[in-house]
N, C-alpha and C. Protein backbone atom coordinates (compact mmCIF):
# COMPACT_ATOMS: atom_id res chain seq x y z
N MET A 1 8.58 -12.79 9.54
CA MET A 1 7.35 -12.11 9.85
C MET A 1 6.22 -12.81 9.08
N ASN A 2 5.18 -13.21 9.80
CA ASN A 2 4.08 -13.88 9.11
C ASN A 2 3.07 -12.86 8.60
N GLU A 3 2.08 -13.34 7.88
CA GLU A 3 1.11 -12.46 7.23
C GLU A 3 0.32 -11.62 8.23
N ASP A 4 -0.04 -12.19 9.36
CA ASP A 4 -0.77 -11.44 10.39
C ASP A 4 0.07 -10.31 10.95
N GLN A 5 1.35 -10.57 11.18
CA GLN A 5 2.25 -9.53 11.68
C GLN A 5 2.45 -8.42 10.66
N ILE A 6 2.55 -8.80 9.40
CA ILE A 6 2.70 -7.81 8.33
C ILE A 6 1.45 -6.94 8.25
N ASN A 7 0.28 -7.55 8.34
CA ASN A 7 -0.97 -6.79 8.30
C ASN A 7 -1.08 -5.84 9.48
N ALA A 8 -0.69 -6.30 10.67
CA ALA A 8 -0.75 -5.46 11.87
C ALA A 8 0.21 -4.28 11.73
N LEU A 9 1.41 -4.55 11.24
CA LEU A 9 2.39 -3.48 11.05
C LEU A 9 1.89 -2.49 10.00
N SER A 10 1.33 -2.98 8.93
CA SER A 10 0.78 -2.11 7.88
C SER A 10 -0.29 -1.19 8.45
N GLN A 11 -1.17 -1.73 9.27
CA GLN A 11 -2.22 -0.92 9.88
C GLN A 11 -1.63 0.15 10.79
N GLU A 12 -0.60 -0.18 11.53
CA GLU A 12 0.05 0.80 12.41
C GLU A 12 0.70 1.92 11.61
N VAL A 13 1.38 1.56 10.53
CA VAL A 13 2.06 2.56 9.70
C VAL A 13 1.03 3.48 9.04
N ILE A 14 -0.02 2.92 8.50
CA ILE A 14 -1.08 3.73 7.89
C ILE A 14 -1.73 4.63 8.93
N GLY A 15 -1.98 4.07 10.11
CA GLY A 15 -2.55 4.87 11.20
C GLY A 15 -1.65 6.03 11.58
N ALA A 16 -0.35 5.78 11.60
CA ALA A 16 0.61 6.84 11.92
C ALA A 16 0.58 7.94 10.86
N ALA A 17 0.51 7.54 9.60
CA ALA A 17 0.46 8.53 8.51
C ALA A 17 -0.82 9.36 8.59
N ILE A 18 -1.93 8.72 8.89
CA ILE A 18 -3.19 9.44 9.03
C ILE A 18 -3.13 10.41 10.19
N GLU A 19 -2.55 9.99 11.29
CA GLU A 19 -2.42 10.85 12.46
C GLU A 19 -1.57 12.08 12.16
N VAL A 20 -0.48 11.89 11.45
CA VAL A 20 0.38 13.02 11.06
C VAL A 20 -0.41 14.00 10.20
N HIS A 21 -1.10 13.48 9.20
CA HIS A 21 -1.85 14.36 8.30
C HIS A 21 -2.98 15.06 9.04
N ARG A 22 -3.62 14.36 9.95
CA ARG A 22 -4.71 14.94 10.74
C ARG A 22 -4.20 16.11 11.59
N ASN A 23 -3.02 15.96 12.15
CA ASN A 23 -2.46 17.00 13.01
C ASN A 23 -1.83 18.16 12.24
N LEU A 24 -1.18 17.86 11.13
CA LEU A 24 -0.49 18.91 10.39
C LEU A 24 -1.34 19.53 9.29
N GLY A 25 -2.29 18.76 8.78
CA GLY A 25 -3.12 19.27 7.69
C GLY A 25 -2.39 19.25 6.36
N PRO A 26 -3.07 19.69 5.31
CA PRO A 26 -2.49 19.66 3.97
C PRO A 26 -1.61 20.88 3.70
N GLY A 27 -0.80 20.79 2.65
CA GLY A 27 -0.10 21.94 2.13
C GLY A 27 1.34 22.15 2.57
N LEU A 28 1.88 21.26 3.39
CA LEU A 28 3.26 21.43 3.83
C LEU A 28 4.21 20.71 2.88
N LEU A 29 5.48 20.98 3.03
CA LEU A 29 6.48 20.31 2.21
C LEU A 29 6.62 18.85 2.63
N GLU A 30 7.00 18.02 1.68
CA GLU A 30 7.15 16.59 1.94
C GLU A 30 8.09 16.31 3.10
N HIS A 31 9.17 17.06 3.18
CA HIS A 31 10.16 16.86 4.24
C HIS A 31 9.52 17.00 5.63
N THR A 32 8.60 17.92 5.75
CA THR A 32 7.93 18.15 7.03
C THR A 32 7.11 16.93 7.43
N TYR A 33 6.34 16.39 6.47
CA TYR A 33 5.55 15.19 6.75
C TYR A 33 6.45 13.99 7.05
N GLN A 34 7.55 13.90 6.32
CA GLN A 34 8.48 12.80 6.52
C GLN A 34 9.06 12.81 7.94
N ALA A 35 9.50 13.98 8.40
CA ALA A 35 10.06 14.10 9.74
C ALA A 35 9.00 13.79 10.80
N ALA A 36 7.79 14.30 10.59
CA ALA A 36 6.71 14.05 11.54
C ALA A 36 6.33 12.57 11.57
N LEU A 37 6.32 11.93 10.41
CA LEU A 37 5.99 10.50 10.35
C LEU A 37 7.05 9.68 11.07
N MET A 38 8.31 10.02 10.91
CA MET A 38 9.36 9.30 11.62
C MET A 38 9.18 9.43 13.13
N CYS A 39 8.83 10.62 13.60
CA CYS A 39 8.57 10.82 15.03
C CYS A 39 7.38 9.99 15.49
N GLU A 40 6.32 10.00 14.71
CA GLU A 40 5.12 9.24 15.07
C GLU A 40 5.40 7.74 15.10
N LEU A 41 6.17 7.26 14.16
CA LEU A 41 6.52 5.83 14.15
C LEU A 41 7.32 5.48 15.39
N ARG A 42 8.27 6.33 15.77
CA ARG A 42 9.06 6.07 16.98
C ARG A 42 8.17 6.06 18.22
N LEU A 43 7.22 7.00 18.28
CA LEU A 43 6.29 7.04 19.42
C LEU A 43 5.48 5.75 19.53
N ARG A 44 5.21 5.14 18.39
CA ARG A 44 4.44 3.90 18.35
C ARG A 44 5.32 2.66 18.51
N GLY A 45 6.63 2.89 18.69
CA GLY A 45 7.54 1.76 18.90
C GLY A 45 7.92 1.02 17.63
N ILE A 46 7.76 1.69 16.49
CA ILE A 46 8.10 1.08 15.21
C ILE A 46 9.46 1.60 14.78
N LYS A 47 10.41 0.69 14.59
CA LYS A 47 11.74 1.08 14.13
C LYS A 47 11.68 1.29 12.63
N ALA A 48 12.16 2.44 12.17
CA ALA A 48 12.16 2.76 10.74
C ALA A 48 13.36 3.62 10.41
N GLU A 49 13.77 3.54 9.16
CA GLU A 49 14.84 4.37 8.66
C GLU A 49 14.29 5.25 7.54
N SER A 50 14.82 6.43 7.42
CA SER A 50 14.35 7.37 6.43
C SER A 50 15.29 7.41 5.22
N GLU A 51 14.74 7.31 4.05
CA GLU A 51 15.47 7.43 2.77
C GLU A 51 16.71 6.55 2.72
N VAL A 52 16.55 5.29 2.95
CA VAL A 52 17.67 4.34 2.91
C VAL A 52 18.00 4.01 1.47
């Protein structure tokens, strides 16, 4: 993966995290945000594993 691809992926992951927080708001348990982020990443076509 080159630097441009890493930067693009980073922007997508940050965007996904912002989207989750925007939709769920503050104050929930970490597990809830984690599950929602995994769903959002899948929707964006990003393969990820949780707590490896």
